[in-house]
Amino acid sequence: MTPKPPFTQETAQQKVKAAQALWNTRDPQKVVQAYTPISIWRNRSQFFVGHKSIVDFLEQKWEHERSYILRKELFAFRENKIAVQFWYEYQDALDGMKWKRCYGIEHWTFDMEGKMEKRMMSGNDVLIGLGGNGEGRWFEGAGPDEVDGIALPEGHS
């Protein structure tokens, strides 16, 4: 059963880690089930609404972002809203398979059944290692179930 608002520290944390696990499947059909049919999204500079648009976006995202692995952490919560910080690493299929890390923040708003009705994401990508060679990857060799156990460097560089 999915946690429903109003959130507590415990249920907000559960929601964040459930989202992390879901996104690490890289399966758009599974991911979209966590959102309302008319969920509103902003992802960087893209704006769209609804399940079909979400699935289309995620299919394109994971075609481009190969070897994707994600970690999300609870940043703040209140009633039916949660803010998370996240980091993910991937190989950019549109840029010579260079390794990159995205640093970002998401703001989520949920309906009373616990489905996300609004997702606002801001993120910035940086090359990992010299020329994107992947040297210094945080999640190298880690599976989706292991990312929470990895200590992130101070300053997150």
N, C-alpha and C. Protein backbone atom coordinates (compact mmCIF):
# COMPACT_ATOMS: atom_id res chain seq x y z
N MET A 1 0.85 -1.18 0.00
CA MET A 1 0.00 0.00 0.00
C MET A 1 0.89 1.25 0.00
N THR A 2 0.55 2.18 -0.86
CA THR A 2 1.34 3.40 -0.97
C THR A 2 0.97 4.40 0.13
N PRO A 3 1.96 5.04 0.74
CA PRO A 3 1.65 6.06 1.75
C PRO A 3 0.80 7.20 1.14
N LYS A 4 -0.12 7.68 1.94
CA LYS A 4 -1.01 8.76 1.51
C LYS A 4 -0.81 9.98 2.40
N PRO A 5 -1.08 11.17 1.87
CA PRO A 5 -1.00 12.38 2.69
C PRO A 5 -2.07 12.36 3.78
N PRO A 6 -1.85 13.11 4.84
CA PRO A 6 -0.67 13.94 5.11
C PRO A 6 0.53 13.06 5.50
N PHE A 7 1.71 13.45 5.01
CA PHE A 7 2.91 12.66 5.24
C PHE A 7 3.52 12.94 6.60
N THR A 8 4.15 11.88 7.15
CA THR A 8 5.00 11.99 8.32
C THR A 8 6.44 11.83 7.85
N GLN A 9 7.40 12.01 8.73
CA GLN A 9 8.80 11.77 8.36
C GLN A 9 8.95 10.36 7.79
N GLU A 10 8.34 9.39 8.45
CA GLU A 10 8.46 7.99 8.02
C GLU A 10 7.80 7.75 6.67
N THR A 11 6.59 8.23 6.47
CA THR A 11 5.89 7.96 5.21
C THR A 11 6.48 8.75 4.05
N ALA A 12 6.99 9.95 4.33
CA ALA A 12 7.66 10.72 3.27
C ALA A 12 8.93 9.99 2.83
N GLN A 13 9.68 9.46 3.78
CA GLN A 13 10.89 8.69 3.46
C GLN A 13 10.53 7.45 2.65
N GLN A 14 9.47 6.76 3.04
CA GLN A 14 9.01 5.58 2.28
C GLN A 14 8.67 5.96 0.85
N LYS A 15 8.00 7.08 0.68
CA LYS A 15 7.60 7.54 -0.65
C LYS A 15 8.83 7.81 -1.52
N VAL A 16 9.83 8.45 -0.95
CA VAL A 16 11.05 8.78 -1.69
C VAL A 16 11.77 7.50 -2.13
N LYS A 17 11.93 6.57 -1.22
CA LYS A 17 12.66 5.34 -1.56
C LYS A 17 11.86 4.46 -2.51
N ALA A 18 10.53 4.49 -2.44
CA ALA A 18 9.71 3.76 -3.40
C ALA A 18 9.89 4.36 -4.79
N ALA A 19 9.94 5.68 -4.87
CA ALA A 19 10.16 6.34 -6.16
C ALA A 19 11.54 6.00 -6.71
N GLN A 20 12.55 5.99 -5.85
CA GLN A 20 13.90 5.62 -6.27
C GLN A 20 13.90 4.22 -6.87
N ALA A 21 13.30 3.28 -6.18
CA ALA A 21 13.26 1.89 -6.66
C ALA A 21 12.51 1.80 -7.99
N LEU A 22 11.41 2.51 -8.09
CA LEU A 22 10.61 2.48 -9.31
C LEU A 22 11.37 3.04 -10.50
N TRP A 23 11.99 4.19 -10.33
CA TRP A 23 12.75 4.80 -11.43
C TRP A 23 13.96 3.94 -11.80
N ASN A 24 14.56 3.26 -10.85
CA ASN A 24 15.71 2.41 -11.17
C ASN A 24 15.32 1.17 -11.98
N THR A 25 14.02 0.87 -12.09
CA THR A 25 13.61 -0.21 -13.00
C THR A 25 13.77 0.19 -14.45
N ARG A 26 13.74 1.50 -14.71
CA ARG A 26 13.81 2.05 -16.07
C ARG A 26 12.68 1.50 -16.94
N ASP A 27 11.54 1.25 -16.34
CA ASP A 27 10.37 0.72 -17.04
C ASP A 27 9.27 1.77 -17.02
N PRO A 28 9.09 2.52 -18.12
CA PRO A 28 8.10 3.59 -18.15
C PRO A 28 6.69 3.14 -17.77
N GLN A 29 6.31 1.93 -18.14
CA GLN A 29 4.96 1.44 -17.83
C GLN A 29 4.76 1.22 -16.34
N LYS A 30 5.81 0.84 -15.64
CA LYS A 30 5.73 0.70 -14.18
C LYS A 30 5.77 2.07 -13.52
N VAL A 31 6.68 2.93 -13.95
CA VAL A 31 6.86 4.24 -13.34
C VAL A 31 5.58 5.06 -13.43
N VAL A 32 4.93 5.05 -14.56
CA VAL A 32 3.75 5.91 -14.78
C VAL A 32 2.60 5.58 -13.83
N GLN A 33 2.59 4.38 -13.29
CA GLN A 33 1.50 3.98 -12.38
C GLN A 33 1.51 4.76 -11.06
N ALA A 34 2.62 5.41 -10.74
CA ALA A 34 2.71 6.20 -9.51
C ALA A 34 2.13 7.61 -9.67
N TYR A 35 1.67 7.94 -10.87
CA TYR A 35 1.21 9.29 -11.18
C TYR A 35 -0.27 9.29 -11.55
N THR A 36 -0.94 10.41 -11.28
CA THR A 36 -2.34 10.53 -11.70
C THR A 36 -2.40 10.57 -13.23
N PRO A 37 -3.54 10.20 -13.81
CA PRO A 37 -3.66 10.21 -15.28
C PRO A 37 -3.42 11.59 -15.91
N ILE A 38 -3.62 12.65 -15.13
CA ILE A 38 -3.40 14.01 -15.65
C ILE A 38 -2.27 14.72 -14.91
N SER A 39 -1.31 13.94 -14.45
CA SER A 39 -0.16 14.49 -13.73
C SER A 39 0.54 15.55 -14.58
N ILE A 40 0.94 16.63 -13.92
CA ILE A 40 1.63 17.75 -14.56
C ILE A 40 3.12 17.61 -14.27
N TRP A 41 3.93 17.68 -15.32
CA TRP A 41 5.38 17.56 -15.17
C TRP A 41 6.11 18.75 -15.76
N ARG A 42 7.17 19.14 -15.05
CA ARG A 42 8.22 19.97 -15.65
C ARG A 42 9.50 19.20 -15.42
N ASN A 43 10.21 18.92 -16.48
CA ASN A 43 11.50 18.25 -16.41
C ASN A 43 12.50 19.14 -17.13
N ARG A 44 13.32 19.82 -16.35
CA ARG A 44 14.25 20.82 -16.89
C ARG A 44 13.43 21.87 -17.65
N SER A 45 13.57 21.93 -18.96
CA SER A 45 12.83 22.95 -19.74
C SER A 45 11.62 22.37 -20.46
N GLN A 46 11.27 21.13 -20.19
CA GLN A 46 10.12 20.50 -20.84
C GLN A 46 8.91 20.52 -19.90
N PHE A 47 7.75 20.76 -20.49
CA PHE A 47 6.49 20.77 -19.75
C PHE A 47 5.52 19.82 -20.46
N PHE A 48 4.84 18.96 -19.70
CA PHE A 48 3.86 18.06 -20.31
C PHE A 48 2.91 17.55 -19.26
N VAL A 49 1.81 16.92 -19.73
CA VAL A 49 0.73 16.47 -18.85
C VAL A 49 0.26 15.10 -19.30
N GLY A 50 0.02 14.21 -18.33
CA GLY A 50 -0.65 12.95 -18.59
C GLY A 50 0.24 11.75 -18.84
N HIS A 51 -0.38 10.58 -18.66
CA HIS A 51 0.34 9.31 -18.75
C HIS A 51 1.05 9.10 -20.09
N LYS A 52 0.39 9.36 -21.20
CA LYS A 52 1.03 9.12 -22.50
C LYS A 52 2.29 9.97 -22.65
N SER A 53 2.20 11.22 -22.25
CA SER A 53 3.37 12.10 -22.35
C SER A 53 4.49 11.65 -21.42
N ILE A 54 4.13 11.18 -20.24
CA ILE A 54 5.13 10.69 -19.29
C ILE A 54 5.85 9.47 -19.85
N VAL A 55 5.09 8.51 -20.36
CA VAL A 55 5.69 7.30 -20.95
C VAL A 55 6.60 7.67 -22.12
N ASP A 56 6.11 8.54 -23.01
CA ASP A 56 6.92 8.96 -24.16
C ASP A 56 8.23 9.60 -23.69
N PHE A 57 8.12 10.48 -22.71
CA PHE A 57 9.31 11.14 -22.17
C PHE A 57 10.30 10.13 -21.59
N LEU A 58 9.80 9.21 -20.76
CA LEU A 58 10.69 8.24 -20.11
C LEU A 58 11.34 7.29 -21.12
N GLU A 59 10.60 6.88 -22.14
CA GLU A 59 11.19 6.03 -23.18
C GLU A 59 12.36 6.74 -23.85
N GLN A 60 12.18 8.02 -24.20
CA GLN A 60 13.25 8.80 -24.83
C GLN A 60 14.41 9.01 -23.85
N LYS A 61 14.07 9.31 -22.60
CA LYS A 61 15.09 9.54 -21.58
C LYS A 61 16.03 8.35 -21.46
N TRP A 62 15.45 7.17 -21.29
CA TRP A 62 16.30 6.00 -21.04
C TRP A 62 16.91 5.42 -22.31
N GLU A 63 16.46 5.86 -23.47
CA GLU A 63 17.16 5.52 -24.70
C GLU A 63 18.46 6.34 -24.77
N HIS A 64 18.39 7.54 -24.29
CA HIS A 64 19.52 8.47 -24.29
C HIS A 64 20.44 8.24 -23.09
N GLU A 65 19.87 8.02 -21.90
CA GLU A 65 20.63 7.88 -20.67
C GLU A 65 20.85 6.40 -20.34
N ARG A 66 21.94 5.84 -20.84
CA ARG A 66 22.24 4.43 -20.67
C ARG A 66 22.97 4.19 -19.36
N SER A 67 22.93 2.97 -18.86
CA SER A 67 23.59 2.58 -17.60
C SER A 67 23.12 3.46 -16.44
N TYR A 68 21.89 3.89 -16.49
CA TYR A 68 21.28 4.81 -15.52
C TYR A 68 21.16 4.17 -14.15
N ILE A 69 21.60 4.91 -13.13
CA ILE A 69 21.39 4.48 -11.75
C ILE A 69 21.17 5.74 -10.90
N LEU A 70 20.17 5.69 -10.03
CA LEU A 70 19.64 6.86 -9.35
C LEU A 70 19.61 6.68 -7.84
N ARG A 71 19.84 7.78 -7.15
CA ARG A 71 19.63 7.84 -5.70
C ARG A 71 18.83 9.10 -5.38
N LYS A 72 17.79 8.94 -4.57
CA LYS A 72 16.97 10.07 -4.12
C LYS A 72 17.04 10.13 -2.59
N GLU A 73 17.01 11.36 -2.06
CA GLU A 73 17.00 11.57 -0.62
C GLU A 73 15.93 12.59 -0.27
N LEU A 74 15.21 12.33 0.80
CA LEU A 74 14.20 13.26 1.30
C LEU A 74 14.87 14.57 1.69
N PHE A 75 14.33 15.67 1.21
CA PHE A 75 14.85 16.99 1.54
C PHE A 75 13.91 17.70 2.51
N ALA A 76 12.61 17.66 2.20
CA ALA A 76 11.61 18.30 3.06
C ALA A 76 10.24 17.73 2.71
N PHE A 77 9.29 17.92 3.62
CA PHE A 77 7.92 17.48 3.35
C PHE A 77 6.95 18.33 4.15
N ARG A 78 5.71 18.36 3.70
CA ARG A 78 4.63 19.05 4.40
C ARG A 78 3.32 18.60 3.79
N GLU A 79 2.44 18.12 4.61
CA GLU A 79 1.09 17.70 4.21
C GLU A 79 1.13 16.79 2.99
N ASN A 80 0.82 17.31 1.79
CA ASN A 80 0.80 16.48 0.58
C ASN A 80 1.95 16.80 -0.38
N LYS A 81 3.01 17.41 0.14
CA LYS A 81 4.16 17.79 -0.70
C LYS A 81 5.45 17.17 -0.15
N ILE A 82 6.31 16.79 -1.08
CA ILE A 82 7.63 16.27 -0.73
C ILE A 82 8.65 16.91 -1.67
N ALA A 83 9.79 17.28 -1.12
CA ALA A 83 10.93 17.75 -1.92
C ALA A 83 12.06 16.74 -1.74
N VAL A 84 12.71 16.42 -2.85
CA VAL A 84 13.83 15.48 -2.81
C VAL A 84 15.03 16.08 -3.52
N GLN A 85 16.21 15.66 -3.06
CA GLN A 85 17.42 15.90 -3.84
C GLN A 85 17.81 14.55 -4.44
N PHE A 86 18.42 14.60 -5.60
CA PHE A 86 18.78 13.34 -6.25
C PHE A 86 20.07 13.49 -7.03
N TRP A 87 20.65 12.34 -7.30
CA TRP A 87 21.85 12.22 -8.12
C TRP A 87 21.67 10.98 -8.97
N TYR A 88 21.97 11.08 -10.23
CA TYR A 88 22.03 9.86 -11.03
C TYR A 88 23.19 9.93 -12.00
N GLU A 89 23.70 8.75 -12.31
CA GLU A 89 24.81 8.63 -13.24
C GLU A 89 24.33 7.86 -14.46
N TYR A 90 24.90 8.22 -15.61
CA TYR A 90 24.50 7.57 -16.86
C TYR A 90 25.56 7.79 -17.93
N GLN A 91 25.47 6.98 -18.96
CA GLN A 91 26.29 7.18 -20.15
C GLN A 91 25.40 7.83 -21.19
N ASP A 92 25.88 8.93 -21.75
CA ASP A 92 25.10 9.73 -22.68
C ASP A 92 25.24 9.20 -24.11
N ALA A 93 24.20 8.53 -24.58
CA ALA A 93 24.21 7.94 -25.92
C ALA A 93 24.25 9.00 -27.01
N LEU A 94 23.91 10.23 -26.67
CA LEU A 94 23.93 11.32 -27.65
C LEU A 94 25.23 12.12 -27.60
N ASP A 95 26.16 11.68 -26.75
CA ASP A 95 27.43 12.39 -26.58
C ASP A 95 28.57 11.40 -26.41
N GLY A 96 28.67 10.46 -27.34
CA GLY A 96 29.80 9.53 -27.36
C GLY A 96 29.90 8.61 -26.17
N MET A 97 28.76 8.33 -25.49
CA MET A 97 28.71 7.46 -24.32
C MET A 97 29.57 7.98 -23.17
N LYS A 98 29.72 9.29 -23.09
CA LYS A 98 30.44 9.88 -21.97
C LYS A 98 29.63 9.68 -20.70
N TRP A 99 30.34 9.47 -19.59
CA TRP A 99 29.70 9.34 -18.29
C TRP A 99 29.35 10.72 -17.76
N LYS A 100 28.13 10.84 -17.24
CA LYS A 100 27.67 12.09 -16.66
C LYS A 100 26.94 11.81 -15.36
N ARG A 101 26.88 12.84 -14.52
CA ARG A 101 26.09 12.78 -13.28
C ARG A 101 25.14 13.97 -13.29
N CYS A 102 23.90 13.70 -12.98
CA CYS A 102 22.91 14.76 -12.83
C CYS A 102 22.70 15.02 -11.35
N TYR A 103 22.76 16.28 -10.97
CA TYR A 103 22.45 16.74 -9.62
C TYR A 103 21.13 17.48 -9.72
N GLY A 104 20.16 17.17 -8.84
CA GLY A 104 18.90 17.86 -8.98
C GLY A 104 18.03 17.88 -7.75
N ILE A 105 16.94 18.60 -7.92
CA ILE A 105 15.90 18.77 -6.91
C ILE A 105 14.56 18.52 -7.59
N GLU A 106 13.67 17.82 -6.90
CA GLU A 106 12.30 17.64 -7.38
C GLU A 106 11.34 18.09 -6.30
N HIS A 107 10.24 18.68 -6.73
CA HIS A 107 9.14 19.04 -5.84
C HIS A 107 7.94 18.24 -6.30
N TRP A 108 7.35 17.49 -5.38
CA TRP A 108 6.22 16.62 -5.71
C TRP A 108 4.97 17.06 -4.95
N THR A 109 3.82 16.96 -5.61
CA THR A 109 2.53 17.19 -4.96
C THR A 109 1.67 15.95 -5.22
N PHE A 110 1.01 15.46 -4.17
CA PHE A 110 0.24 14.22 -4.25
C PHE A 110 -1.25 14.47 -4.06
N ASP A 111 -2.06 13.62 -4.70
CA ASP A 111 -3.49 13.64 -4.42
C ASP A 111 -3.73 12.86 -3.12
N MET A 112 -4.95 12.82 -2.67
CA MET A 112 -5.24 12.20 -1.38
C MET A 112 -5.11 10.67 -1.40
N GLU A 113 -5.00 10.07 -2.58
CA GLU A 113 -4.79 8.62 -2.70
C GLU A 113 -3.31 8.25 -2.75
N GLY A 114 -2.44 9.26 -2.74
CA GLY A 114 -1.01 8.99 -2.74
C GLY A 114 -0.37 8.95 -4.11
N LYS A 115 -1.12 9.29 -5.14
CA LYS A 115 -0.55 9.36 -6.50
C LYS A 115 0.00 10.77 -6.71
N MET A 116 1.09 10.84 -7.44
CA MET A 116 1.69 12.14 -7.69
C MET A 116 0.92 12.87 -8.78
N GLU A 117 0.49 14.09 -8.45
CA GLU A 117 -0.27 14.87 -9.43
C GLU A 117 0.57 15.99 -10.04
N LYS A 118 1.73 16.24 -9.47
CA LYS A 118 2.61 17.28 -10.01
C LYS A 118 4.05 16.93 -9.67
N ARG A 119 4.93 17.03 -10.66
CA ARG A 119 6.36 16.77 -10.49
C ARG A 119 7.12 17.88 -11.19
N MET A 120 7.88 18.62 -10.42
CA MET A 120 8.71 19.70 -10.94
C MET A 120 10.17 19.34 -10.70
N MET A 121 10.96 19.24 -11.76
CA MET A 121 12.35 18.80 -11.65
C MET A 121 13.30 19.83 -12.23
N SER A 122 14.36 20.10 -11.48
CA SER A 122 15.47 20.91 -11.98
C SER A 122 16.73 20.08 -11.80
N GLY A 123 17.55 20.02 -12.83
CA GLY A 123 18.77 19.23 -12.75
C GLY A 123 19.87 19.79 -13.63
N ASN A 124 21.09 19.50 -13.24
CA ASN A 124 22.27 19.92 -13.98
C ASN A 124 23.17 18.71 -14.18
N ASP A 125 23.70 18.55 -15.36
CA ASP A 125 24.59 17.45 -15.68
C ASP A 125 26.05 17.91 -15.69
N VAL A 126 26.92 17.05 -15.17
CA VAL A 126 28.36 17.30 -15.23
C VAL A 126 29.05 16.03 -15.73
N LEU A 127 30.16 16.21 -16.42
CA LEU A 127 30.96 15.07 -16.84
C LEU A 127 31.58 14.40 -15.62
N ILE A 128 31.70 13.08 -15.67
CA ILE A 128 32.38 12.34 -14.62
C ILE A 128 33.73 11.90 -15.17
N GLY A 129 34.79 12.38 -14.55
CA GLY A 129 36.14 12.04 -14.99
C GLY A 129 36.58 12.89 -16.17
N LEU A 130 37.84 12.74 -16.53
CA LEU A 130 38.44 13.48 -17.62
C LEU A 130 37.72 13.16 -18.92
N GLY A 131 37.10 14.15 -19.51
CA GLY A 131 36.41 13.96 -20.78
C GLY A 131 35.22 13.03 -20.70
N GLY A 132 34.74 12.76 -19.48
CA GLY A 132 33.59 11.86 -19.33
C GLY A 132 33.98 10.40 -19.33
N ASN A 133 35.23 10.08 -18.94
CA ASN A 133 35.69 8.69 -18.95
C ASN A 133 35.13 7.84 -17.80
N GLY A 134 34.40 8.48 -16.89
CA GLY A 134 33.76 7.74 -15.80
C GLY A 134 34.59 7.59 -14.55
N GLU A 135 35.83 8.05 -14.56
CA GLU A 135 36.67 7.95 -13.38
C GLU A 135 36.07 8.79 -12.25
N GLY A 136 35.87 8.14 -11.09
CA GLY A 136 35.27 8.83 -9.96
C GLY A 136 33.77 8.64 -9.85
N ARG A 137 33.23 7.67 -10.59
CA ARG A 137 31.79 7.39 -10.47
C ARG A 137 31.49 6.95 -9.05
N TRP A 138 30.42 7.47 -8.48
CA TRP A 138 30.00 7.08 -7.14
C TRP A 138 29.38 5.70 -7.11
N PHE A 139 28.58 5.41 -8.11
CA PHE A 139 27.77 4.19 -8.08
C PHE A 139 28.36 3.07 -8.94
N GLU A 140 29.62 3.18 -9.30
CA GLU A 140 30.27 2.18 -10.14
C GLU A 140 30.16 0.80 -9.51
N GLY A 141 29.63 -0.14 -10.26
CA GLY A 141 29.49 -1.51 -9.81
C GLY A 141 28.32 -1.75 -8.86
N ALA A 142 27.62 -0.70 -8.48
CA ALA A 142 26.50 -0.83 -7.54
C ALA A 142 25.21 -1.12 -8.30
N GLY A 143 24.40 -1.94 -7.71
CA GLY A 143 23.06 -2.17 -8.24
C GLY A 143 22.09 -1.21 -7.58
N PRO A 144 20.87 -1.15 -8.11
CA PRO A 144 19.86 -0.23 -7.54
C PRO A 144 19.61 -0.43 -6.05
N ASP A 145 19.77 -1.66 -5.56
CA ASP A 145 19.53 -1.92 -4.14
C ASP A 145 20.72 -1.52 -3.26
N GLU A 146 21.81 -1.10 -3.88
CA GLU A 146 23.02 -0.79 -3.13
C GLU A 146 23.34 0.71 -3.05
N VAL A 147 22.65 1.54 -3.81
CA VAL A 147 23.03 2.96 -3.88
C VAL A 147 22.87 3.68 -2.55
N ASP A 148 21.93 3.27 -1.72
CA ASP A 148 21.74 3.94 -0.43
C ASP A 148 22.90 3.71 0.53
N GLY A 149 23.65 2.65 0.35
CA GLY A 149 24.76 2.34 1.24
C GLY A 149 26.06 3.01 0.85
N ILE A 150 26.05 3.76 -0.24
CA ILE A 150 27.28 4.43 -0.71
C ILE A 150 27.39 5.81 -0.09
N ALA A 151 28.50 6.06 0.58
CA ALA A 151 28.74 7.38 1.18
C ALA A 151 29.09 8.36 0.07
N LEU A 152 28.33 9.45 0.00
CA LEU A 152 28.61 10.48 -1.00
C LEU A 152 29.71 11.40 -0.49
N PRO A 153 30.59 11.84 -1.37
CA PRO A 153 31.69 12.70 -0.94
C PRO A 153 31.18 14.02 -0.36
N GLU A 154 31.89 14.53 0.61
CA GLU A 154 31.57 15.85 1.17
C GLU A 154 31.61 16.88 0.04
N GLY A 155 30.61 17.70 -0.05
CA GLY A 155 30.55 18.69 -1.12
C GLY A 155 29.96 18.14 -2.40
N HIS A 156 29.78 16.83 -2.47
CA HIS A 156 29.13 16.18 -3.60
C HIS A 156 29.79 16.52 -4.93
N SER A 157 31.09 16.53 -4.98
CA SER A 157 31.77 16.84 -6.24
C SER A 157 32.04 15.60 -7.05
